[in-house]
Amino acid sequence: MNPWLVLLMLAVLAALYVVTPVVAAAWSHYRRYRRLRCPVEGVEARVRVDAGRAAIGEAFGRPALEVERCSLWPKRWLCQQACMV
């Protein structure tokens, strides 16, 4: 059997049994709304993170937390998302 084929099969199995469950669990975790204190306004806001981007980032290193929705928008639409740091 060709060793490159074996390596390809191992990579596919690793993606199937390791990466996929990590992405699914992270997506499930990040898809919920969070209540955070806005550092600019000083009030509590409901924030939703881009779950897909965060889950893929979680699987390959560090999650890229980017605000998808915020209860303070549209008033603070172009904020720097300092609440996610």
N, C-alpha and C. Protein backbone atom coordinates (compact mmCIF):
# COMPACT_ATOMS: atom_id res chain seq x y z
N MET A 1 0.83 -1.17 0.00
CA MET A 1 0.00 0.00 0.00
C MET A 1 0.89 1.25 0.00
N ASN A 2 0.48 2.24 -0.72
CA ASN A 2 1.22 3.48 -0.86
C ASN A 2 1.24 4.23 0.49
N PRO A 3 2.43 4.64 0.98
CA PRO A 3 2.49 5.33 2.28
C PRO A 3 1.79 6.70 2.25
N TRP A 4 1.76 7.35 1.11
CA TRP A 4 1.07 8.65 1.02
C TRP A 4 -0.45 8.48 1.16
N LEU A 5 -0.95 7.39 0.67
CA LEU A 5 -2.36 7.10 0.81
C LEU A 5 -2.72 6.84 2.28
N VAL A 6 -1.83 6.14 2.97
CA VAL A 6 -2.04 5.87 4.40
C VAL A 6 -2.02 7.18 5.19
N LEU A 7 -1.07 8.07 4.88
CA LEU A 7 -1.00 9.36 5.56
C LEU A 7 -2.24 10.21 5.27
N LEU A 8 -2.73 10.16 4.06
CA LEU A 8 -3.94 10.88 3.71
C LEU A 8 -5.13 10.34 4.49
N MET A 9 -5.24 9.04 4.59
CA MET A 9 -6.33 8.43 5.34
C MET A 9 -6.25 8.79 6.83
N LEU A 10 -5.04 8.83 7.39
CA LEU A 10 -4.88 9.23 8.78
C LEU A 10 -5.28 10.68 9.00
N ALA A 11 -4.95 11.54 8.06
CA ALA A 11 -5.33 12.95 8.17
C ALA A 11 -6.85 13.12 8.10
N VAL A 12 -7.48 12.38 7.22
CA VAL A 12 -8.94 12.45 7.11
C VAL A 12 -9.60 11.93 8.39
N LEU A 13 -9.11 10.84 8.93
CA LEU A 13 -9.66 10.30 10.18
C LEU A 13 -9.44 11.26 11.35
N ALA A 14 -8.27 11.90 11.38
CA ALA A 14 -8.00 12.87 12.44
C ALA A 14 -8.97 14.04 12.35
N ALA A 15 -9.22 14.50 11.14
CA ALA A 15 -10.17 15.61 10.97
C ALA A 15 -11.58 15.17 11.36
N LEU A 16 -11.92 13.97 11.04
CA LEU A 16 -13.26 13.48 11.32
C LEU A 16 -13.49 13.25 12.81
N TYR A 17 -12.54 12.65 13.50
CA TYR A 17 -12.75 12.26 14.88
C TYR A 17 -12.16 13.21 15.92
N VAL A 18 -11.35 14.17 15.51
CA VAL A 18 -10.75 15.10 16.47
C VAL A 18 -11.22 16.53 16.22
N VAL A 19 -11.01 17.03 15.03
CA VAL A 19 -11.31 18.43 14.73
C VAL A 19 -12.81 18.67 14.70
N THR A 20 -13.57 17.81 14.09
CA THR A 20 -15.01 18.02 13.96
C THR A 20 -15.73 18.11 15.32
N PRO A 21 -15.47 17.22 16.27
CA PRO A 21 -16.13 17.38 17.58
C PRO A 21 -15.71 18.65 18.32
N VAL A 22 -14.45 19.06 18.17
CA VAL A 22 -13.99 20.30 18.82
C VAL A 22 -14.72 21.50 18.22
N VAL A 23 -14.84 21.54 16.90
CA VAL A 23 -15.55 22.64 16.24
C VAL A 23 -17.02 22.64 16.64
N ALA A 24 -17.65 21.48 16.69
CA ALA A 24 -19.06 21.40 17.06
C ALA A 24 -19.29 21.86 18.50
N ALA A 25 -18.44 21.45 19.43
CA ALA A 25 -18.59 21.87 20.82
C ALA A 25 -18.33 23.36 20.98
N ALA A 26 -17.34 23.88 20.31
CA ALA A 26 -17.05 25.31 20.39
C ALA A 26 -18.17 26.13 19.77
N TRP A 27 -18.72 25.68 18.65
CA TRP A 27 -19.83 26.39 18.01
C TRP A 27 -21.03 26.43 18.94
N SER A 28 -21.31 25.31 19.59
CA SER A 28 -22.42 25.25 20.53
C SER A 28 -22.19 26.21 21.71
N HIS A 29 -20.96 26.33 22.16
CA HIS A 29 -20.64 27.22 23.28
C HIS A 29 -20.76 28.69 22.89
N TYR A 30 -20.29 29.07 21.72
CA TYR A 30 -20.24 30.47 21.32
C TYR A 30 -21.53 30.99 20.68
N ARG A 31 -22.49 30.17 20.38
CA ARG A 31 -23.69 30.65 19.69
C ARG A 31 -24.70 31.31 20.62
N ARG A 32 -24.49 31.21 21.92
CA ARG A 32 -25.40 31.82 22.89
C ARG A 32 -25.06 33.30 23.11
N TYR A 33 -26.07 34.05 23.53
CA TYR A 33 -25.85 35.45 23.89
C TYR A 33 -25.10 35.53 25.21
N ARG A 34 -24.30 36.56 25.36
CA ARG A 34 -23.57 36.83 26.59
C ARG A 34 -23.98 38.19 27.12
N ARG A 35 -23.94 38.34 28.41
CA ARG A 35 -24.18 39.65 29.02
C ARG A 35 -22.82 40.18 29.48
N LEU A 36 -22.42 41.28 28.87
CA LEU A 36 -21.13 41.89 29.17
C LEU A 36 -21.32 43.35 29.53
N ARG A 37 -20.39 43.89 30.27
CA ARG A 37 -20.40 45.30 30.58
C ARG A 37 -19.62 46.03 29.49
N CYS A 38 -20.29 46.98 28.85
CA CYS A 38 -19.66 47.75 27.78
C CYS A 38 -18.65 48.70 28.42
N PRO A 39 -17.38 48.66 28.00
CA PRO A 39 -16.37 49.53 28.61
C PRO A 39 -16.56 51.00 28.24
N VAL A 40 -17.26 51.28 27.17
CA VAL A 40 -17.45 52.67 26.74
C VAL A 40 -18.69 53.26 27.38
N GLU A 41 -19.82 52.56 27.28
CA GLU A 41 -21.08 53.06 27.80
C GLU A 41 -21.21 52.85 29.30
N GLY A 42 -20.57 51.82 29.83
CA GLY A 42 -20.67 51.52 31.25
C GLY A 42 -21.94 50.82 31.66
N VAL A 43 -22.69 50.30 30.70
CA VAL A 43 -23.93 49.59 30.98
C VAL A 43 -23.79 48.14 30.50
N GLU A 44 -24.71 47.30 30.94
CA GLU A 44 -24.69 45.90 30.53
C GLU A 44 -25.31 45.76 29.15
N ALA A 45 -24.70 44.93 28.31
CA ALA A 45 -25.18 44.73 26.95
C ALA A 45 -25.27 43.23 26.67
N ARG A 46 -26.21 42.87 25.81
CA ARG A 46 -26.30 41.49 25.31
C ARG A 46 -25.48 41.41 24.05
N VAL A 47 -24.51 40.51 24.04
CA VAL A 47 -23.59 40.40 22.91
C VAL A 47 -23.63 38.98 22.38
N ARG A 48 -23.66 38.87 21.06
CA ARG A 48 -23.59 37.56 20.41
C ARG A 48 -22.33 37.52 19.56
N VAL A 49 -21.54 36.47 19.74
CA VAL A 49 -20.28 36.30 19.03
C VAL A 49 -20.53 35.55 17.73
N ASP A 50 -19.71 35.83 16.72
CA ASP A 50 -19.77 35.08 15.46
C ASP A 50 -19.30 33.65 15.76
N ALA A 51 -20.25 32.74 15.93
CA ALA A 51 -19.96 31.39 16.42
C ALA A 51 -19.12 30.57 15.44
N GLY A 52 -19.38 30.68 14.16
CA GLY A 52 -18.61 29.91 13.19
C GLY A 52 -17.14 30.28 13.18
N ARG A 53 -16.88 31.56 13.16
CA ARG A 53 -15.49 32.04 13.14
C ARG A 53 -14.78 31.67 14.45
N ALA A 54 -15.47 31.82 15.57
CA ALA A 54 -14.88 31.48 16.86
C ALA A 54 -14.60 29.98 16.98
N ALA A 55 -15.49 29.16 16.47
CA ALA A 55 -15.32 27.70 16.56
C ALA A 55 -14.15 27.23 15.72
N ILE A 56 -14.01 27.75 14.53
CA ILE A 56 -12.88 27.35 13.68
C ILE A 56 -11.57 27.83 14.28
N GLY A 57 -11.58 29.04 14.82
CA GLY A 57 -10.39 29.53 15.50
C GLY A 57 -10.03 28.69 16.71
N GLU A 58 -11.03 28.25 17.46
CA GLU A 58 -10.81 27.40 18.63
C GLU A 58 -10.17 26.08 18.23
N ALA A 59 -10.58 25.52 17.12
CA ALA A 59 -10.05 24.23 16.68
C ALA A 59 -8.59 24.34 16.23
N PHE A 60 -8.19 25.50 15.72
CA PHE A 60 -6.85 25.64 15.18
C PHE A 60 -6.00 26.63 15.96
N GLY A 61 -6.29 26.82 17.23
CA GLY A 61 -5.47 27.73 18.02
C GLY A 61 -6.30 28.56 18.96
N ARG A 62 -6.39 29.84 18.68
CA ARG A 62 -7.09 30.77 19.55
C ARG A 62 -8.35 31.27 18.85
N PRO A 63 -9.49 31.29 19.56
CA PRO A 63 -10.73 31.74 18.92
C PRO A 63 -10.69 33.22 18.57
N ALA A 64 -11.20 33.53 17.42
CA ALA A 64 -11.29 34.92 16.97
C ALA A 64 -12.67 35.42 17.37
N LEU A 65 -12.74 36.08 18.52
CA LEU A 65 -14.02 36.55 19.04
C LEU A 65 -14.38 37.88 18.40
N GLU A 66 -15.42 37.85 17.59
CA GLU A 66 -15.90 39.04 16.90
C GLU A 66 -17.39 39.18 17.17
N VAL A 67 -17.79 40.38 17.56
CA VAL A 67 -19.20 40.61 17.90
C VAL A 67 -20.04 40.56 16.63
N GLU A 68 -21.08 39.74 16.67
CA GLU A 68 -22.01 39.63 15.55
C GLU A 68 -23.23 40.51 15.78
N ARG A 69 -23.70 40.54 17.03
CA ARG A 69 -24.85 41.38 17.42
C ARG A 69 -24.61 41.93 18.81
N CYS A 70 -25.11 43.12 19.02
CA CYS A 70 -25.00 43.76 20.33
C CYS A 70 -26.27 44.55 20.58
N SER A 71 -26.74 44.53 21.83
CA SER A 71 -27.98 45.23 22.14
C SER A 71 -27.81 46.75 22.09
N LEU A 72 -26.59 47.24 22.09
CA LEU A 72 -26.35 48.69 22.03
C LEU A 72 -26.28 49.21 20.59
N TRP A 73 -26.31 48.33 19.62
CA TRP A 73 -26.32 48.77 18.21
C TRP A 73 -27.73 49.22 17.88
N PRO A 74 -27.99 50.12 17.01
CA PRO A 74 -27.11 50.81 16.08
C PRO A 74 -26.43 52.04 16.67
N LYS A 75 -26.74 52.39 17.92
CA LYS A 75 -26.13 53.57 18.52
C LYS A 75 -24.60 53.48 18.50
N ARG A 76 -24.03 52.32 18.84
CA ARG A 76 -22.59 52.13 18.88
C ARG A 76 -22.15 51.14 17.80
N TRP A 77 -22.62 51.30 16.60
CA TRP A 77 -22.39 50.33 15.52
C TRP A 77 -20.91 50.11 15.22
N LEU A 78 -20.12 51.16 15.17
CA LEU A 78 -18.72 51.03 14.79
C LEU A 78 -17.79 51.01 16.01
N CYS A 79 -18.22 50.43 17.10
CA CYS A 79 -17.34 50.37 18.27
C CYS A 79 -16.17 49.42 17.98
N GLN A 80 -15.15 49.53 18.78
CA GLN A 80 -13.94 48.71 18.58
C GLN A 80 -14.03 47.34 19.24
N GLN A 81 -15.17 46.98 19.76
CA GLN A 81 -15.43 45.68 20.37
C GLN A 81 -14.48 45.40 21.52
N ALA A 82 -14.20 46.42 22.32
CA ALA A 82 -13.30 46.28 23.44
C ALA A 82 -13.87 45.36 24.51
N CYS A 83 -15.16 45.11 24.50
CA CYS A 83 -15.78 44.24 25.50
C CYS A 83 -15.34 42.79 25.31
N MET A 84 -14.86 42.42 24.15
CA MET A 84 -14.48 41.03 23.88
C MET A 84 -13.05 40.74 24.26
N VAL A 85 -12.30 41.73 24.66
CA VAL A 85 -10.88 41.52 25.00
C VAL A 85 -10.74 40.98 26.38
